[in-house]
Amino acid sequence: MGIPRFIKLPGHKQFNYSPRYWDPEKEEREERIRRIKQEMGIDMPTDPNRTTIRRGSFRLATQKTKVKATRGSNIRLLIILAVLFLLAYLLFYR
């Protein structure tokens, strides 16, 4: 006689992974052809609001925002330093 089980344990789950092939050179070539056709007026995009997500596009977008933030903080720092130098000049040389 076995011990009765009051709790039924779930069986193991399997994961079916089928890898897909991705060719970055083909994607770049198709993008280049699409841009050239668009410039020549041969092929107009079907949906002008559709964006394409390419490899590295998120990284480029974050780098642009970092550059803007850095530029803004540098300008702010220069303004603060100018005000401090002006105050120091007025305090010490008046």
PDB file of N, CA and C in Angstrom:
ATOM      1  N   MET A   1       0.826  -1.176   0.000  1.00  0.00           N
ATOM      2  CA  MET A   1       0.000   0.000   0.000  1.00  0.00           C
ATOM      3  C   MET A   1       0.870   1.238   0.000  1.00  0.00           C
ATOM      4  N   GLY A   2       0.461   2.184  -0.778  1.00  0.00           N
ATOM      5  CA  GLY A   2       1.190   3.438  -0.841  1.00  0.00           C
ATOM      6  C   GLY A   2       0.533   4.505   0.011  1.00  0.00           C
ATOM      7  N   ILE A   3       1.223   5.570   0.164  1.00  0.00           N
ATOM      8  CA  ILE A   3       0.697   6.694   0.929  1.00  0.00           C
ATOM      9  C   ILE A   3      -0.249   7.475   0.021  1.00  0.00           C
ATOM     10  N   PRO A   4      -1.460   7.785   0.465  1.00  0.00           N
ATOM     11  CA  PRO A   4      -2.368   8.543  -0.396  1.00  0.00           C
ATOM     12  C   PRO A   4      -1.917   9.993  -0.516  1.00  0.00           C
ATOM     13  N   ARG A   5      -2.079  10.552  -1.693  1.00  0.00           N
ATOM     14  CA  ARG A   5      -1.694  11.948  -1.932  1.00  0.00           C
ATOM     15  C   ARG A   5      -2.943  12.819  -1.887  1.00  0.00           C
ATOM     16  N   PHE A   6      -2.875  13.840  -1.054  1.00  0.00           N
ATOM     17  CA  PHE A   6      -3.996  14.754  -0.943  1.00  0.00           C
ATOM     18  C   PHE A   6      -3.805  15.974  -1.848  1.00  0.00           C
ATOM     19  N   ILE A   7      -2.558  16.255  -2.196  1.00  0.00           N
ATOM     20  CA  ILE A   7      -2.240  17.390  -3.059  1.00  0.00           C
ATOM     21  C   ILE A   7      -1.687  16.842  -4.372  1.00  0.00           C
ATOM     22  N   LYS A   8      -2.330  17.236  -5.456  1.00  0.00           N
ATOM     23  CA  LYS A   8      -1.852  16.773  -6.759  1.00  0.00           C
ATOM     24  C   LYS A   8      -0.799  17.757  -7.270  1.00  0.00           C
ATOM     25  N   LEU A   9       0.396  17.289  -7.526  1.00  0.00           N
ATOM     26  CA  LEU A   9       1.479  18.114  -8.027  1.00  0.00           C
ATOM     27  C   LEU A   9       1.358  18.241  -9.548  1.00  0.00           C
ATOM     28  N   PRO A  10       1.594  19.443 -10.067  1.00  0.00           N
ATOM     29  CA  PRO A  10       1.511  19.601 -11.524  1.00  0.00           C
ATOM     30  C   PRO A  10       2.698  18.917 -12.204  1.00  0.00           C
ATOM     31  N   GLY A  11       2.477  18.481 -13.398  1.00  0.00           N
ATOM     32  CA  GLY A  11       3.544  17.855 -14.172  1.00  0.00           C
ATOM     33  C   GLY A  11       4.517  18.898 -14.700  1.00  0.00           C
ATOM     34  N   HIS A  12       5.634  18.465 -15.229  1.00  0.00           N
ATOM     35  CA  HIS A  12       6.618  19.397 -15.740  1.00  0.00           C
ATOM     36  C   HIS A  12       6.110  20.017 -17.043  1.00  0.00           C
ATOM     37  N   LYS A  13       6.513  21.265 -17.259  1.00  0.00           N
ATOM     38  CA  LYS A  13       6.087  21.970 -18.464  1.00  0.00           C
ATOM     39  C   LYS A  13       7.252  21.995 -19.449  1.00  0.00           C
ATOM     40  N   GLN A  14       6.918  21.895 -20.702  1.00  0.00           N
ATOM     41  CA  GLN A  14       7.941  21.916 -21.730  1.00  0.00           C
ATOM     42  C   GLN A  14       7.880  23.234 -22.483  1.00  0.00           C
ATOM     43  N   PHE A  15       9.031  23.685 -22.915  1.00  0.00           N
ATOM     44  CA  PHE A  15       9.125  24.913 -23.681  1.00  0.00           C
ATOM     45  C   PHE A  15       9.580  24.546 -25.078  1.00  0.00           C
ATOM     46  N   ASN A  16       8.778  24.897 -26.062  1.00  0.00           N
ATOM     47  CA  ASN A  16       9.095  24.576 -27.445  1.00  0.00           C
ATOM     48  C   ASN A  16       9.734  25.802 -28.078  1.00  0.00           C
ATOM     49  N   TYR A  17      11.031  25.786 -28.271  1.00  0.00           N
ATOM     50  CA  TYR A  17      11.773  26.911 -28.827  1.00  0.00           C
ATOM     51  C   TYR A  17      12.198  26.577 -30.246  1.00  0.00           C
ATOM     52  N   SER A  18      11.756  27.395 -31.182  1.00  0.00           N
ATOM     53  CA  SER A  18      12.203  27.218 -32.568  1.00  0.00           C
ATOM     54  C   SER A  18      12.927  28.496 -32.977  1.00  0.00           C
ATOM     55  N   PRO A  19      14.251  28.458 -33.095  1.00  0.00           N
ATOM     56  CA  PRO A  19      15.014  29.667 -33.417  1.00  0.00           C
ATOM     57  C   PRO A  19      14.699  30.160 -34.826  1.00  0.00           C
ATOM     58  N   ARG A  20      14.751  31.485 -34.974  1.00  0.00           N
ATOM     59  CA  ARG A  20      14.523  32.105 -36.275  1.00  0.00           C
ATOM     60  C   ARG A  20      15.827  32.716 -36.759  1.00  0.00           C
ATOM     61  N   TYR A  21      16.005  32.718 -38.053  1.00  0.00           N
ATOM     62  CA  TYR A  21      17.221  33.265 -38.629  1.00  0.00           C
ATOM     63  C   TYR A  21      17.012  34.737 -38.923  1.00  0.00           C
ATOM     64  N   TRP A  22      17.986  35.553 -38.547  1.00  0.00           N
ATOM     65  CA  TRP A  22      17.921  36.997 -38.782  1.00  0.00           C
ATOM     66  C   TRP A  22      19.179  37.418 -39.520  1.00  0.00           C
ATOM     67  N   ASP A  23      18.996  38.087 -40.637  1.00  0.00           N
ATOM     68  CA  ASP A  23      20.111  38.537 -41.455  1.00  0.00           C
ATOM     69  C   ASP A  23      20.172  40.070 -41.405  1.00  0.00           C
ATOM     70  N   PRO A  24      21.089  40.635 -40.605  1.00  0.00           N
ATOM     71  CA  PRO A  24      21.137  42.101 -40.490  1.00  0.00           C
ATOM     72  C   PRO A  24      21.545  42.778 -41.794  1.00  0.00           C
ATOM     73  N   GLU A  25      22.395  42.146 -42.586  1.00  0.00           N
ATOM     74  CA  GLU A  25      22.819  42.748 -43.853  1.00  0.00           C
ATOM     75  C   GLU A  25      21.644  42.849 -44.826  1.00  0.00           C
ATOM     76  N   LYS A  26      20.805  41.821 -44.856  1.00  0.00           N
ATOM     77  CA  LYS A  26      19.632  41.853 -45.723  1.00  0.00           C
ATOM     78  C   LYS A  26      18.673  42.951 -45.276  1.00  0.00           C
ATOM     79  N   GLU A  27      18.506  43.107 -43.968  1.00  0.00           N
ATOM     80  CA  GLU A  27      17.618  44.141 -43.452  1.00  0.00           C
ATOM     81  C   GLU A  27      18.139  45.536 -43.810  1.00  0.00           C
ATOM     82  N   GLU A  28      19.449  45.758 -43.671  1.00  0.00           N
ATOM     83  CA  GLU A  28      20.035  47.046 -44.038  1.00  0.00           C
ATOM     84  C   GLU A  28      19.889  47.310 -45.539  1.00  0.00           C
ATOM     85  N   ARG A  29      20.099  46.267 -46.349  1.00  0.00           N
ATOM     86  CA  ARG A  29      19.988  46.403 -47.799  1.00  0.00           C
ATOM     87  C   ARG A  29      18.553  46.764 -48.196  1.00  0.00           C
ATOM     88  N   GLU A  30      17.574  46.092 -47.595  1.00  0.00           N
ATOM     89  CA  GLU A  30      16.176  46.395 -47.908  1.00  0.00           C
ATOM     90  C   GLU A  30      15.805  47.806 -47.459  1.00  0.00           C
ATOM     91  N   GLU A  31      16.319  48.238 -46.315  1.00  0.00           N
ATOM     92  CA  GLU A  31      16.047  49.589 -45.828  1.00  0.00           C
ATOM     93  C   GLU A  31      16.652  50.627 -46.781  1.00  0.00           C
ATOM     94  N   ARG A  32      17.866  50.378 -47.257  1.00  0.00           N
ATOM     95  CA  ARG A  32      18.520  51.283 -48.197  1.00  0.00           C
ATOM     96  C   ARG A  32      17.724  51.373 -49.508  1.00  0.00           C
ATOM     97  N   ILE A  33      17.282  50.226 -50.017  1.00  0.00           N
ATOM     98  CA  ILE A  33      16.493  50.200 -51.249  1.00  0.00           C
ATOM     99  C   ILE A  33      15.190  50.960 -51.058  1.00  0.00           C
ATOM    100  N   ARG A  34      14.540  50.780 -49.907  1.00  0.00           N
ATOM    101  CA  ARG A  34      13.284  51.461 -49.632  1.00  0.00           C
ATOM    102  C   ARG A  34      13.484  52.974 -49.590  1.00  0.00           C
ATOM    103  N   ARG A  35      14.595  53.434 -48.937  1.00  0.00           N
ATOM    104  CA  ARG A  35      14.862  54.874 -48.870  1.00  0.00           C
ATOM    105  C   ARG A  35      15.135  55.455 -50.255  1.00  0.00           C
ATOM    106  N   ILE A  36      15.899  54.730 -51.071  1.00  0.00           N
ATOM    107  CA  ILE A  36      16.217  55.206 -52.422  1.00  0.00           C
ATOM    108  C   ILE A  36      14.952  55.308 -53.258  1.00  0.00           C
ATOM    109  N   LYS A  37      14.088  54.292 -53.174  1.00  0.00           N
ATOM    110  CA  LYS A  37      12.832  54.331 -53.914  1.00  0.00           C
ATOM    111  C   LYS A  37      11.959  55.478 -53.442  1.00  0.00           C
ATOM    112  N   GLN A  38      11.960  55.737 -52.159  1.00  0.00           N
ATOM    113  CA  GLN A  38      11.155  56.825 -51.618  1.00  0.00           C
ATOM    114  C   GLN A  38      11.680  58.175 -52.102  1.00  0.00           C
ATOM    115  N   GLU A  39      13.020  58.343 -52.151  1.00  0.00           N
ATOM    116  CA  GLU A  39      13.603  59.591 -52.633  1.00  0.00           C
ATOM    117  C   GLU A  39      13.288  59.816 -54.117  1.00  0.00           C
ATOM    118  N   MET A  40      13.273  58.739 -54.885  1.00  0.00           N
ATOM    119  CA  MET A  40      12.995  58.857 -56.312  1.00  0.00           C
ATOM    120  C   MET A  40      11.503  58.976 -56.585  1.00  0.00           C
ATOM    121  N   GLY A  41      10.672  58.741 -55.594  1.00  0.00           N
ATOM    122  CA  GLY A  41       9.234  58.839 -55.767  1.00  0.00           C
ATOM    123  C   GLY A  41       8.617  57.601 -56.362  1.00  0.00           C
ATOM    124  N   ILE A  42       9.348  56.525 -56.407  1.00  0.00           N
ATOM    125  CA  ILE A  42       8.829  55.288 -56.988  1.00  0.00           C
ATOM    126  C   ILE A  42       7.880  54.595 -56.014  1.00  0.00           C
ATOM    127  N   ASP A  43       8.295  54.508 -54.796  1.00  0.00           N
ATOM    128  CA  ASP A  43       7.530  53.750 -53.817  1.00  0.00           C
ATOM    129  C   ASP A  43       7.223  54.645 -52.623  1.00  0.00           C
ATOM    130  N   MET A  44       5.981  54.979 -52.437  1.00  0.00           N
ATOM    131  CA  MET A  44       5.590  55.777 -51.291  1.00  0.00           C
ATOM    132  C   MET A  44       5.156  54.837 -50.169  1.00  0.00           C
ATOM    133  N   PRO A  45       5.448  55.183 -48.928  1.00  0.00           N
ATOM    134  CA  PRO A  45       5.048  54.294 -47.837  1.00  0.00           C
ATOM    135  C   PRO A  45       3.527  54.235 -47.713  1.00  0.00           C
ATOM    136  N   THR A  46       3.034  53.073 -47.315  1.00  0.00           N
ATOM    137  CA  THR A  46       1.588  52.898 -47.198  1.00  0.00           C
ATOM    138  C   THR A  46       1.037  53.644 -45.997  1.00  0.00           C
ATOM    139  N   ASP A  47       1.762  53.663 -44.902  1.00  0.00           N
ATOM    140  CA  ASP A  47       1.305  54.342 -43.698  1.00  0.00           C
ATOM    141  C   ASP A  47       2.394  55.302 -43.243  1.00  0.00           C
ATOM    142  N   PRO A  48       2.197  56.614 -43.379  1.00  0.00           N
ATOM    143  CA  PRO A  48       3.255  57.554 -43.018  1.00  0.00           C
ATOM    144  C   PRO A  48       3.533  57.607 -41.515  1.00  0.00           C
ATOM    145  N   ASN A  49       2.592  57.151 -40.694  1.00  0.00           N
ATOM    146  CA  ASN A  49       2.797  57.179 -39.248  1.00  0.00           C
ATOM    147  C   ASN A  49       3.485  55.930 -38.722  1.00  0.00           C
ATOM    148  N   ARG A  50       3.730  54.966 -39.576  1.00  0.00           N
ATOM    149  CA  ARG A  50       4.357  53.719 -39.150  1.00  0.00           C
ATOM    150  C   ARG A  50       5.847  53.942 -38.970  1.00  0.00           C
ATOM    151  N   THR A  51       6.347  53.507 -37.846  1.00  0.00           N
ATOM    152  CA  THR A  51       7.773  53.632 -37.585  1.00  0.00           C
ATOM    153  C   THR A  51       8.417  52.256 -37.656  1.00  0.00           C
ATOM    154  N   THR A  52       9.669  52.236 -38.045  1.00  0.00           N
ATOM    155  CA  THR A  52      10.394  50.981 -38.076  1.00  0.00           C
ATOM    156  C   THR A  52      11.355  50.957 -36.909  1.00  0.00           C
ATOM    157  N   ILE A  53      11.397  49.854 -36.252  1.00  0.00           N
ATOM    158  CA  ILE A  53      12.311  49.683 -35.130  1.00  0.00           C
ATOM    159  C   ILE A  53      13.492  48.873 -35.642  1.00  0.00           C
ATOM    160  N   ARG A  54      14.641  49.490 -35.619  1.00  0.00           N
ATOM    161  CA  ARG A  54      15.837  48.830 -36.100  1.00  0.00           C
ATOM    162  C   ARG A  54      16.773  48.562 -34.934  1.00  0.00           C
ATOM    163  N   ARG A  55      17.690  47.690 -35.165  1.00  0.00           N
ATOM    164  CA  ARG A  55      18.654  47.340 -34.138  1.00  0.00           C
ATOM    165  C   ARG A  55      19.479  48.576 -33.789  1.00  0.00           C
ATOM    166  N   GLY A  56      19.513  48.938 -32.505  1.00  0.00           N
ATOM    167  CA  GLY A  56      20.283  50.072 -32.035  1.00  0.00           C
ATOM    168  C   GLY A  56      19.514  51.373 -32.017  1.00  0.00           C
ATOM    169  N   SER A  57      18.233  51.372 -32.431  1.00  0.00           N
ATOM    170  CA  SER A  57      17.481  52.621 -32.474  1.00  0.00           C
ATOM    171  C   SER A  57      17.196  53.146 -31.070  1.00  0.00           C
ATOM    172  N   PHE A  58      16.962  52.260 -30.124  1.00  0.00           N
ATOM    173  CA  PHE A  58      16.709  52.705 -28.745  1.00  0.00           C
ATOM    174  C   PHE A  58      17.972  53.313 -28.160  1.00  0.00           C
ATOM    175  N   ARG A  59      19.105  52.712 -28.449  1.00  0.00           N
ATOM    176  CA  ARG A  59      20.381  53.236 -27.946  1.00  0.00           C
ATOM    177  C   ARG A  59      20.642  54.634 -28.505  1.00  0.00           C
ATOM    178  N   LEU A  60      20.378  54.828 -29.795  1.00  0.00           N
ATOM    179  CA  LEU A  60      20.577  56.144 -30.399  1.00  0.00           C
ATOM    180  C   LEU A  60      19.651  57.181 -29.789  1.00  0.00           C
ATOM    181  N   ALA A  61      18.409  56.803 -29.526  1.00  0.00           N
ATOM    182  CA  ALA A  61      17.457  57.741 -28.939  1.00  0.00           C
ATOM    183  C   ALA A  61      17.893  58.138 -27.532  1.00  0.00           C
ATOM    184  N   THR A  62      18.378  57.186 -26.752  1.00  0.00           N
ATOM    185  CA  THR A  62      18.807  57.520 -25.391  1.00  0.00           C
ATOM    186  C   THR A  62      20.075  58.364 -25.411  1.00  0.00           C
ATOM    187  N   GLN A  63      20.943  58.132 -26.387  1.00  0.00           N
ATOM    188  CA  GLN A  63      22.151  58.952 -26.478  1.00  0.00           C
ATOM    189  C   GLN A  63      21.803  60.395 -26.816  1.00  0.00           C
ATOM    190  N   LYS A  64      20.804  60.596 -27.674  1.00  0.00           N
ATOM    191  CA  LYS A  64      20.396  61.953 -28.029  1.00  0.00           C
ATOM    192  C   LYS A  64      19.846  62.683 -26.814  1.00  0.00           C
ATOM    193  N   THR A  65      19.054  61.999 -26.001  1.00  0.00           N
ATOM    194  CA  THR A  65      18.500  62.656 -24.820  1.00  0.00           C
ATOM    195  C   THR A  65      19.593  62.950 -23.803  1.00  0.00           C
ATOM    196  N   LYS A  66      20.602  62.071 -23.709  1.00  0.00           N
ATOM    197  CA  LYS A  66      21.711  62.317 -22.790  1.00  0.00           C
ATOM    198  C   LYS A  66      22.502  63.549 -23.222  1.00  0.00           C
ATOM    199  N   VAL A  67      22.702  63.707 -24.536  1.00  0.00           N
ATOM    200  CA  VAL A  67      23.447  64.861 -25.044  1.00  0.00           C
ATOM    201  C   VAL A  67      22.686  66.142 -24.737  1.00  0.00           C
ATOM    202  N   LYS A  68      21.363  66.131 -24.933  1.00  0.00           N
ATOM    203  CA  LYS A  68      20.561  67.316 -24.637  1.00  0.00           C
ATOM    204  C   LYS A  68      20.615  67.643 -23.151  1.00  0.00           C
ATOM    205  N   ALA A  69      20.533  66.632 -22.300  1.00  0.00           N
ATOM    206  CA  ALA A  69      20.573  66.855 -20.859  1.00  0.00           C
ATOM    207  C   ALA A  69      21.934  67.393 -20.437  1.00  0.00           C
ATOM    208  N   THR A  70      23.002  66.853 -21.009  1.00  0.00           N
ATOM    209  CA  THR A  70      24.347  67.315 -20.681  1.00  0.00           C
ATOM    210  C   THR A  70      24.544  68.756 -21.125  1.00  0.00           C
ATOM    211  N   ARG A  71      24.066  69.091 -22.319  1.00  0.00           N
ATOM    212  CA  ARG A  71      24.200  70.445 -22.825  1.00  0.00           C
ATOM    213  C   ARG A  71      23.442  71.422 -21.925  1.00  0.00           C
ATOM    214  N   GLY A  72      22.253  71.048 -21.511  1.00  0.00           N
ATOM    215  CA  GLY A  72      21.456  71.900 -20.640  1.00  0.00           C
ATOM    216  C   GLY A  72      22.116  72.110 -19.291  1.00  0.00           C
ATOM    217  N   SER A  73      22.689  71.048 -18.738  1.00  0.00           N
ATOM    218  CA  SER A  73      23.343  71.189 -17.434  1.00  0.00           C
ATOM    219  C   SER A  73      24.622  72.021 -17.550  1.00  0.00           C
ATOM    220  N   ASN A  74      25.318  71.924 -18.671  1.00  0.00           N
ATOM    221  CA  ASN A  74      26.523  72.738 -18.857  1.00  0.00           C
ATOM    222  C   ASN A  74      26.176  74.224 -18.949  1.00  0.00           C
ATOM    223  N   ILE A  75      25.110  74.529 -19.665  1.00  0.00           N
ATOM    224  CA  ILE A  75      24.686  75.932 -19.776  1.00  0.00           C
ATOM    225  C   ILE A  75      24.260  76.462 -18.410  1.00  0.00           C
ATOM    226  N   ARG A  76      23.523  75.656 -17.666  1.00  0.00           N
ATOM    227  CA  ARG A  76      23.087  76.052 -16.331  1.00  0.00           C
ATOM    228  C   ARG A  76      24.289  76.299 -15.422  1.00  0.00           C
ATOM    229  N   LEU A  77      25.296  75.445 -15.515  1.00  0.00           N
ATOM    230  CA  LEU A  77      26.504  75.609 -14.704  1.00  0.00           C
ATOM    231  C   LEU A  77      27.228  76.906 -15.056  1.00  0.00           C
ATOM    232  N   LEU A  78      27.328  77.223 -16.341  1.00  0.00           N
ATOM    233  CA  LEU A  78      27.976  78.469 -16.751  1.00  0.00           C
ATOM    234  C   LEU A  78      27.220  79.696 -16.244  1.00  0.00           C
ATOM    235  N   ILE A  79      25.919  79.649 -16.279  1.00  0.00           N
ATOM    236  CA  ILE A  79      25.118  80.774 -15.773  1.00  0.00           C
ATOM    237  C   ILE A  79      25.328  80.944 -14.267  1.00  0.00           C
ATOM    238  N   ILE A  80      25.321  79.846 -13.530  1.00  0.00           N
ATOM    239  CA  ILE A  80      25.540  79.917 -12.079  1.00  0.00           C
ATOM    240  C   ILE A  80      26.924  80.470 -11.770  1.00  0.00           C
ATOM    241  N   LEU A  81      27.948  80.014 -12.489  1.00  0.00           N
ATOM    242  CA  LEU A  81      29.303  80.518 -12.264  1.00  0.00           C
ATOM    243  C   LEU A  81      29.398  82.002 -12.583  1.00  0.00           C
ATOM    244  N   ALA A  82      28.747  82.452 -13.650  1.00  0.00           N
ATOM    245  CA  ALA A  82      28.782  83.863 -14.006  1.00  0.00           C
ATOM    246  C   ALA A  82      28.126  84.707 -12.914  1.00  0.00           C
ATOM    247  N   VAL A  83      27.003  84.240 -12.382  1.00  0.00           N
ATOM    248  CA  VAL A  83      26.326  84.973 -11.310  1.00  0.00           C
ATOM    249  C   VAL A  83      27.201  85.007 -10.062  1.00  0.00           C
ATOM    250  N   LEU A  84      27.840  83.898  -9.732  1.00  0.00           N
ATOM    251  CA  LEU A  84      28.711  83.866  -8.552  1.00  0.00           C
ATOM    252  C   LEU A  84      29.915  84.796  -8.709  1.00  0.00           C
ATOM    253  N   PHE A  85      30.520  84.800  -9.897  1.00  0.00           N
ATOM    254  CA  PHE A  85      31.646  85.705 -10.129  1.00  0.00           C
ATOM    255  C   PHE A  85      31.209  87.169 -10.055  1.00  0.00           C
ATOM    256  N   LEU A  86      30.029  87.454 -10.567  1.00  0.00           N
ATOM    257  CA  LEU A  86      29.504  88.809 -10.491  1.00  0.00           C
ATOM    258  C   LEU A  86      29.263  89.223  -9.032  1.00  0.00           C
ATOM    259  N   LEU A  87      28.680  88.326  -8.248  1.00  0.00           N
ATOM    260  CA  LEU A  87      28.457  88.618  -6.826  1.00  0.00           C
ATOM    261  C   LEU A  87      29.784  88.794  -6.076  1.00  0.00           C
ATOM    262  N   ALA A  88      30.748  87.934  -6.368  1.00  0.00           N
ATOM    263  CA  ALA A  88      32.048  88.048  -5.710  1.00  0.00           C
ATOM    264  C   ALA A  88      32.727  89.368  -6.088  1.00  0.00           C
ATOM    265  N   TYR A  89      32.630  89.755  -7.335  1.00  0.00           N
ATOM    266  CA  TYR A  89      33.214  91.018  -7.781  1.00  0.00           C
ATOM    267  C   TYR A  89      32.562  92.199  -7.060  1.00  0.00           C
ATOM    268  N   LEU A  90      31.238  92.171  -6.977  1.00  0.00           N
ATOM    269  CA  LEU A  90      30.527  93.257  -6.307  1.00  0.00           C
ATOM    270  C   LEU A  90      30.840  93.314  -4.813  1.00  0.00           C
ATOM    271  N   LEU A  91      31.021  92.174  -4.166  1.00  0.00           N
ATOM    272  CA  LEU A  91      31.300  92.156  -2.727  1.00  0.00           C
ATOM    273  C   LEU A  91      32.738  92.599  -2.407  1.00  0.00           C
ATOM    274  N   PHE A  92      33.698  92.147  -3.197  1.00  0.00           N
ATOM    275  CA  PHE A  92      35.090  92.406  -2.852  1.00  0.00           C
ATOM    276  C   PHE A  92      35.647  93.717  -3.430  1.00  0.00           C
ATOM    277  N   TYR A  93      35.133  94.197  -4.532  1.00  0.00           N
ATOM    278  CA  TYR A  93      35.718  95.362  -5.171  1.00  0.00           C
ATOM    279  C   TYR A  93      34.820  96.601  -5.099  1.00  0.00           C
ATOM    280  N   ARG A  94      33.889  96.641  -4.202  1.00  0.00           N
ATOM    281  CA  ARG A  94      33.064  97.834  -3.990  1.00  0.00           C
ATOM    282  C   ARG A  94      33.300  98.401  -2.636  1.00  0.00           C
TER     283      ARG A  94
END
